[in-house]
Amino acid sequence: MNLKVVGAGLPRTGTSSLRKALEYLLDGPCCHMSALPGHPFDLGEGWQRAIAGKPTDWDQVLDGFVATLDWPASLFWRDLSERNPDALVLMSVRTNAQEWWESVDATIMEPARMALSPDWQGGRDFQDMLERFTGTTHWDDPSTMMAAYDRHNEEVRKTVPSERLLEWHASEGWEPICQALDLPVPDKPFPWVNQRSEWRSE
């Protein structure tokens, strides 16, 4: 494992767009939730061990990837940044926790809530991630989720040296990423994908 970027940003902070951008800049695959077979309910044994707090073979789990983004990897930003000391730590953010929650509630919380049904027959990895993130089984609560968002981001800011951390907002596009990676800015539009308007509401 030789990651060039360790993503510390949470879902719904532009991570799908970042995946497209980093794969172009770094010429290699990024480990994003959408890249994992069975996501979001069955992430495979390696990620299940990590989410459960068990010893994890990160070299095996992240074999072939040049960067990580989104869950489940951003739950383990500390471990991954320590194992890849030369990697940029990139934390994508929203303007505030309320804005983040509104996007999360309108998109990824729908499938998460499906798994709460008593007759649910699928995996529970999404639930386990939410429980790890919030520290409680009662994660379907705006205040709980927003507090966890703020807590996560503050922990990253306090821990990662400023010269190694890039805090990025989607509106900033290519420039800060390329500057942090010492790469030229591409002569093409930033790849905006997976916007809230693309999610179908039932």
C-alpha atoms as a PDB file:
ATOM      1  CA  MET A   1       0.000   0.000   0.000  1.00  0.00           C
ATOM      2  CA  ASN A   2       1.400   3.345  -1.078  1.00  0.00           C
ATOM      3  CA  LEU A   3      -1.395   5.875  -0.937  1.00  0.00           C
ATOM      4  CA  LYS A   4      -0.825   9.341  -2.327  1.00  0.00           C
ATOM      5  CA  VAL A   5      -4.017  10.758  -0.823  1.00  0.00           C
ATOM      6  CA  VAL A   6      -5.821   9.707   2.355  1.00  0.00           C
ATOM      7  CA  GLY A   7      -9.378  10.988   2.264  1.00  0.00           C
ATOM      8  CA  ALA A   8     -10.759  12.089   5.621  1.00  0.00           C
ATOM      9  CA  GLY A   9     -13.969  13.579   4.225  1.00  0.00           C
ATOM     10  CA  LEU A  10     -17.383  12.164   5.023  1.00  0.00           C
ATOM     11  CA  PRO A  11     -19.998  11.048   2.491  1.00  0.00           C
ATOM     12  CA  ARG A  12     -21.942  13.824   0.730  1.00  0.00           C
ATOM     13  CA  THR A  13     -19.017  16.237   0.748  1.00  0.00           C
ATOM     14  CA  GLY A  14     -18.137  15.904  -2.926  1.00  0.00           C
ATOM     15  CA  THR A  15     -16.330  12.584  -2.617  1.00  0.00           C
ATOM     16  CA  SER A  16     -17.723  11.145  -5.861  1.00  0.00           C
ATOM     17  CA  SER A  17     -16.456  14.170  -7.764  1.00  0.00           C
ATOM     18  CA  LEU A  18     -13.143  13.904  -5.949  1.00  0.00           C
ATOM     19  CA  ARG A  19     -12.882  10.280  -7.000  1.00  0.00           C
ATOM     20  CA  LYS A  20     -13.126  11.267 -10.669  1.00  0.00           C
ATOM     21  CA  ALA A  21     -10.667  14.118 -10.179  1.00  0.00           C
ATOM     22  CA  LEU A  22      -8.044  12.133  -8.274  1.00  0.00           C
ATOM     23  CA  GLU A  23      -8.198   9.161 -10.610  1.00  0.00           C
ATOM     24  CA  TYR A  24      -7.431  11.572 -13.431  1.00  0.00           C
ATOM     25  CA  LEU A  25      -4.650  13.391 -11.564  1.00  0.00           C
ATOM     26  CA  LEU A  26      -3.023  10.300 -10.061  1.00  0.00           C
ATOM     27  CA  ASP A  27      -3.697   7.891 -12.937  1.00  0.00           C
ATOM     28  CA  GLY A  28      -4.953   5.154 -10.661  1.00  0.00           C
ATOM     29  CA  PRO A  29      -8.047   3.908  -8.827  1.00  0.00           C
ATOM     30  CA  CYS A  30      -9.447   5.490  -5.671  1.00  0.00           C
ATOM     31  CA  CYS A  31     -11.065   3.441  -2.930  1.00  0.00           C
ATOM     32  CA  HIS A  32     -14.514   5.021  -2.659  1.00  0.00           C
ATOM     33  CA  MET A  33     -17.633   3.333  -1.342  1.00  0.00           C
ATOM     34  CA  SER A  34     -18.966   3.026  -4.883  1.00  0.00           C
ATOM     35  CA  ALA A  35     -15.840   1.085  -5.928  1.00  0.00           C
ATOM     36  CA  LEU A  36     -16.558  -1.740  -3.479  1.00  0.00           C
ATOM     37  CA  PRO A  37     -18.609  -4.745  -4.612  1.00  0.00           C
ATOM     38  CA  GLY A  38     -21.674  -5.208  -2.450  1.00  0.00           C
ATOM     39  CA  HIS A  39     -21.751  -1.641  -1.180  1.00  0.00           C
ATOM     40  CA  PRO A  40     -23.154  -0.317   1.038  1.00  0.00           C
ATOM     41  CA  PHE A  41     -24.511  -3.335   2.922  1.00  0.00           C
ATOM     42  CA  ASP A  42     -21.846  -5.984   2.270  1.00  0.00           C
ATOM     43  CA  LEU A  43     -18.327  -4.533   2.053  1.00  0.00           C
ATOM     44  CA  GLY A  44     -16.382  -7.773   2.377  1.00  0.00           C
ATOM     45  CA  GLU A  45     -14.423  -9.412   5.158  1.00  0.00           C
ATOM     46  CA  GLY A  46     -11.541  -6.923   5.250  1.00  0.00           C
ATOM     47  CA  TRP A  47     -13.732  -3.883   5.790  1.00  0.00           C
ATOM     48  CA  GLN A  48     -15.999  -5.781   8.152  1.00  0.00           C
ATOM     49  CA  ARG A  49     -13.014  -6.575  10.370  1.00  0.00           C
ATOM     50  CA  ALA A  50     -11.936  -2.940  10.358  1.00  0.00           C
ATOM     51  CA  ILE A  51     -15.407  -1.626  11.174  1.00  0.00           C
ATOM     52  CA  ALA A  52     -15.638  -4.125  14.038  1.00  0.00           C
ATOM     53  CA  GLY A  53     -12.329  -2.853  15.433  1.00  0.00           C
ATOM     54  CA  LYS A  54     -10.413  -6.034  14.647  1.00  0.00           C
ATOM     55  CA  PRO A  55      -6.830  -6.214  13.277  1.00  0.00           C
ATOM     56  CA  THR A  56      -6.926  -5.374   9.580  1.00  0.00           C
ATOM     57  CA  ASP A  57      -4.499  -6.164   6.772  1.00  0.00           C
ATOM     58  CA  TRP A  58      -4.596  -2.733   5.147  1.00  0.00           C
ATOM     59  CA  ASP A  59      -2.135  -3.770   2.448  1.00  0.00           C
ATOM     60  CA  GLN A  60      -4.596  -6.402   1.307  1.00  0.00           C
ATOM     61  CA  VAL A  61      -7.745  -4.298   1.719  1.00  0.00           C
ATOM     62  CA  LEU A  62      -6.300  -1.382  -0.262  1.00  0.00           C
ATOM     63  CA  ASP A  63      -4.141  -3.277  -2.716  1.00  0.00           C
ATOM     64  CA  GLY A  64      -3.997  -1.449  -6.038  1.00  0.00           C
ATOM     65  CA  PHE A  65      -5.526   1.833  -4.848  1.00  0.00           C
ATOM     66  CA  VAL A  66      -3.630   5.135  -5.023  1.00  0.00           C
ATOM     67  CA  ALA A  67      -6.050   7.103  -2.845  1.00  0.00           C
ATOM     68  CA  THR A  68      -8.964   6.672  -0.457  1.00  0.00           C
ATOM     69  CA  LEU A  69     -12.165   8.713  -0.232  1.00  0.00           C
ATOM     70  CA  ASP A  70     -15.559   8.485   1.424  1.00  0.00           C
ATOM     71  CA  TRP A  71     -16.708   5.715   3.730  1.00  0.00           C
ATOM     72  CA  PRO A  72     -15.628   3.185   4.758  1.00  0.00           C
ATOM     73  CA  ALA A  73     -12.030   4.382   4.345  1.00  0.00           C
ATOM     74  CA  SER A  74     -12.503   7.845   5.836  1.00  0.00           C
ATOM     75  CA  LEU A  75     -13.563   6.253   9.117  1.00  0.00           C
ATOM     76  CA  PHE A  76      -9.943   5.045   9.319  1.00  0.00           C
ATOM     77  CA  TRP A  77      -8.138   8.227   8.276  1.00  0.00           C
ATOM     78  CA  ARG A  78      -5.894   8.056  11.339  1.00  0.00           C
ATOM     79  CA  ASP A  79      -4.620   4.519  10.675  1.00  0.00           C
ATOM     80  CA  LEU A  80      -4.179   5.159   6.967  1.00  0.00           C
ATOM     81  CA  SER A  81      -2.392   8.487   7.392  1.00  0.00           C
ATOM     82  CA  GLU A  82       0.017   6.920   9.874  1.00  0.00           C
ATOM     83  CA  ARG A  83       0.758   4.046   7.496  1.00  0.00           C
ATOM     84  CA  ASN A  84       1.250   6.454   4.587  1.00  0.00           C
ATOM     85  CA  PRO A  85       3.215   9.340   6.118  1.00  0.00           C
ATOM     86  CA  ASP A  86       3.917  11.011   2.772  1.00  0.00           C
ATOM     87  CA  ALA A  87       0.284  11.030   1.664  1.00  0.00           C
ATOM     88  CA  LEU A  88      -1.788  14.192   1.563  1.00  0.00           C
ATOM     89  CA  VAL A  89      -4.725  14.071   3.966  1.00  0.00           C
ATOM     90  CA  LEU A  90      -7.674  15.548   2.089  1.00  0.00           C
ATOM     91  CA  MET A  91     -10.759  16.406   4.124  1.00  0.00           C
ATOM     92  CA  SER A  92     -13.721  17.430   1.996  1.00  0.00           C
ATOM     93  CA  VAL A  93     -16.298  19.433   3.933  1.00  0.00           C
ATOM     94  CA  ARG A  94     -19.650  21.155   3.716  1.00  0.00           C
ATOM     95  CA  THR A  95     -20.202  24.746   4.848  1.00  0.00           C
ATOM     96  CA  ASN A  96     -21.645  23.498   8.131  1.00  0.00           C
ATOM     97  CA  ALA A  97     -23.144  20.409   9.768  1.00  0.00           C
ATOM     98  CA  GLN A  98     -26.722  21.450   8.979  1.00  0.00           C
ATOM     99  CA  GLU A  99     -26.005  21.653   5.258  1.00  0.00           C
ATOM    100  CA  TRP A 100     -24.262  18.267   5.402  1.00  0.00           C
ATOM    101  CA  TRP A 101     -27.154  16.653   7.259  1.00  0.00           C
ATOM    102  CA  GLU A 102     -29.721  17.956   4.770  1.00  0.00           C
ATOM    103  CA  SER A 103     -27.780  16.354   1.918  1.00  0.00           C
ATOM    104  CA  VAL A 104     -27.276  13.096   3.817  1.00  0.00           C
ATOM    105  CA  ASP A 105     -30.924  12.943   4.868  1.00  0.00           C
ATOM    106  CA  ALA A 106     -32.097  13.438   1.276  1.00  0.00           C
ATOM    107  CA  THR A 107     -29.815  10.768  -0.170  1.00  0.00           C
ATOM    108  CA  ILE A 108     -27.921   8.045   1.661  1.00  0.00           C
ATOM    109  CA  MET A 109     -30.161   7.849   4.732  1.00  0.00           C
ATOM    110  CA  GLU A 110     -32.955   6.277   2.689  1.00  0.00           C
ATOM    111  CA  PRO A 111     -31.062   3.017   2.072  1.00  0.00           C
ATOM    112  CA  ALA A 112     -29.662   3.123   5.603  1.00  0.00           C
ATOM    113  CA  ARG A 113     -33.198   3.226   6.998  1.00  0.00           C
ATOM    114  CA  MET A 114     -34.246   0.329   4.784  1.00  0.00           C
ATOM    115  CA  ALA A 115     -31.841  -1.857   6.725  1.00  0.00           C
ATOM    116  CA  LEU A 116     -33.665  -1.057   9.979  1.00  0.00           C
ATOM    117  CA  SER A 117     -36.722  -3.003   8.866  1.00  0.00           C
ATOM    118  CA  PRO A 118     -37.374  -6.138  10.975  1.00  0.00           C
ATOM    119  CA  ASP A 119     -37.618  -8.217   7.803  1.00  0.00           C
ATOM    120  CA  TRP A 120     -34.347  -6.902   6.330  1.00  0.00           C
ATOM    121  CA  GLN A 121     -32.398  -9.769   4.757  1.00  0.00           C
ATOM    122  CA  GLY A 122     -29.333  -7.884   3.521  1.00  0.00           C
ATOM    123  CA  GLY A 123     -26.028  -7.153   5.211  1.00  0.00           C
ATOM    124  CA  ARG A 124     -25.603  -4.691   8.030  1.00  0.00           C
ATOM    125  CA  ASP A 125     -22.292  -3.043   7.153  1.00  0.00           C
ATOM    126  CA  PHE A 126     -23.957   0.319   6.523  1.00  0.00           C
ATOM    127  CA  GLN A 127     -25.567   0.209   9.971  1.00  0.00           C
ATOM    128  CA  ASP A 128     -22.257  -0.774  11.538  1.00  0.00           C
ATOM    129  CA  MET A 129     -20.519   2.182   9.888  1.00  0.00           C
ATOM    130  CA  LEU A 130     -23.166   4.577  11.165  1.00  0.00           C
ATOM    131  CA  GLU A 131     -22.891   3.128  14.654  1.00  0.00           C
ATOM    132  CA  ARG A 132     -19.100   3.500  14.589  1.00  0.00           C
ATOM    133  CA  PHE A 133     -19.381   7.050  13.254  1.00  0.00           C
ATOM    134  CA  THR A 134     -21.911   8.252  15.833  1.00  0.00           C
ATOM    135  CA  GLY A 135     -20.966   6.001  18.745  1.00  0.00           C
ATOM    136  CA  THR A 136     -24.562   4.856  19.199  1.00  0.00           C
ATOM    137  CA  THR A 137     -27.146   2.484  17.750  1.00  0.00           C
ATOM    138  CA  HIS A 138     -29.567   5.440  17.700  1.00  0.00           C
ATOM    139  CA  TRP A 139     -27.910   7.121  14.756  1.00  0.00           C
ATOM    140  CA  ASP A 140     -31.050   8.124  12.840  1.00  0.00           C
ATOM    141  CA  ASP A 141     -31.273  11.496  14.541  1.00  0.00           C
ATOM    142  CA  PRO A 142     -30.276  14.884  13.084  1.00  0.00           C
ATOM    143  CA  SER A 143     -28.580  16.189  16.226  1.00  0.00           C
ATOM    144  CA  THR A 144     -26.607  12.968  16.690  1.00  0.00           C
ATOM    145  CA  MET A 145     -25.434  12.938  13.101  1.00  0.00           C
ATOM    146  CA  MET A 146     -24.507  16.622  13.035  1.00  0.00           C
ATOM    147  CA  ALA A 147     -22.572  16.312  16.285  1.00  0.00           C
ATOM    148  CA  ALA A 148     -20.674  13.353  14.834  1.00  0.00           C
ATOM    149  CA  TYR A 149     -19.889  15.366  11.685  1.00  0.00           C
ATOM    150  CA  ASP A 150     -18.429  18.241  13.708  1.00  0.00           C
ATOM    151  CA  ARG A 151     -16.557  15.878  16.027  1.00  0.00           C
ATOM    152  CA  HIS A 152     -15.000  13.982  13.123  1.00  0.00           C
ATOM    153  CA  ASN A 153     -13.810  17.115  11.331  1.00  0.00           C
ATOM    154  CA  GLU A 154     -12.403  18.714  14.474  1.00  0.00           C
ATOM    155  CA  GLU A 155     -10.462  15.550  15.301  1.00  0.00           C
ATOM    156  CA  VAL A 156      -8.861  15.590  11.849  1.00  0.00           C
ATOM    157  CA  ARG A 157      -7.974  19.290  12.187  1.00  0.00           C
ATOM    158  CA  LYS A 158      -6.445  18.760  15.627  1.00  0.00           C
ATOM    159  CA  THR A 159      -4.445  15.696  14.633  1.00  0.00           C
ATOM    160  CA  VAL A 160      -3.080  16.240  11.120  1.00  0.00           C
ATOM    161  CA  PRO A 161      -0.293  18.847  10.747  1.00  0.00           C
ATOM    162  CA  SER A 162      -1.528  21.851   8.800  1.00  0.00           C
ATOM    163  CA  GLU A 163       1.151  21.449   6.141  1.00  0.00           C
ATOM    164  CA  ARG A 164      -0.147  17.958   5.397  1.00  0.00           C
ATOM    165  CA  LEU A 165      -3.889  18.649   5.560  1.00  0.00           C
ATOM    166  CA  LEU A 166      -6.026  20.034   2.759  1.00  0.00           C
ATOM    167  CA  GLU A 167      -9.510  21.052   3.822  1.00  0.00           C
ATOM    168  CA  TRP A 168     -11.473  21.270   0.606  1.00  0.00           C
ATOM    169  CA  HIS A 169     -14.917  22.540  -0.330  1.00  0.00           C
ATOM    170  CA  ALA A 170     -16.500  21.401  -3.578  1.00  0.00           C
ATOM    171  CA  SER A 171     -16.756  24.964  -4.897  1.00  0.00           C
ATOM    172  CA  GLU A 172     -12.950  25.212  -4.930  1.00  0.00           C
ATOM    173  CA  GLY A 173     -12.468  22.719  -7.760  1.00  0.00           C
ATOM    174  CA  TRP A 174      -9.063  21.713  -9.105  1.00  0.00           C
ATOM    175  CA  GLU A 175      -6.759  24.453  -7.842  1.00  0.00           C
ATOM    176  CA  PRO A 176      -6.175  23.650  -4.150  1.00  0.00           C
ATOM    177  CA  ILE A 177      -5.886  19.925  -4.871  1.00  0.00           C
ATOM    178  CA  CYS A 178      -3.330  20.420  -7.615  1.00  0.00           C
ATOM    179  CA  GLN A 179      -1.380  22.892  -5.516  1.00  0.00           C
ATOM    180  CA  ALA A 180      -1.236  20.473  -2.585  1.00  0.00           C
ATOM    181  CA  LEU A 181      -0.114  17.621  -4.865  1.00  0.00           C
ATOM    182  CA  ASP A 182       2.271  19.832  -6.847  1.00  0.00           C
ATOM    183  CA  LEU A 183       0.515  18.988 -10.100  1.00  0.00           C
ATOM    184  CA  PRO A 184      -0.607  21.227 -12.978  1.00  0.00           C
ATOM    185  CA  VAL A 185      -4.255  22.248 -13.091  1.00  0.00           C
ATOM    186  CA  PRO A 186      -6.001  20.296 -15.881  1.00  0.00           C
ATOM    187  CA  ASP A 187      -7.366  22.213 -18.825  1.00  0.00           C
ATOM    188  CA  LYS A 188     -10.814  20.674 -18.370  1.00  0.00           C
ATOM    189  CA  PRO A 189     -13.836  21.279 -16.143  1.00  0.00           C
ATOM    190  CA  PHE A 190     -13.861  19.751 -12.695  1.00  0.00           C
ATOM    191  CA  PRO A 191     -15.940  16.533 -12.814  1.00  0.00           C
ATOM    192  CA  TRP A 192     -19.091  17.325 -10.855  1.00  0.00           C
ATOM    193  CA  VAL A 193     -21.062  14.112 -10.273  1.00  0.00           C
ATOM    194  CA  ASN A 194     -23.533  12.553  -7.818  1.00  0.00           C
ATOM    195  CA  GLN A 195     -25.311  15.781  -6.964  1.00  0.00           C
ATOM    196  CA  ARG A 196     -28.409  15.662  -4.796  1.00  0.00           C
ATOM    197  CA  SER A 197     -30.652  16.403  -7.782  1.00  0.00           C
ATOM    198  CA  GLU A 198     -29.500  13.122  -9.354  1.00  0.00           C
ATOM    199  CA  TRP A 199     -30.985  11.064  -6.497  1.00  0.00           C
ATOM    200  CA  ARG A 200     -34.472   9.884  -7.242  1.00  0.00           C
ATOM    201  CA  SER A 201     -37.005  10.363  -4.500  1.00  0.00           C
ATOM    202  CA  GLU A 202     -39.807   7.809  -4.210  1.00  0.00           C
END
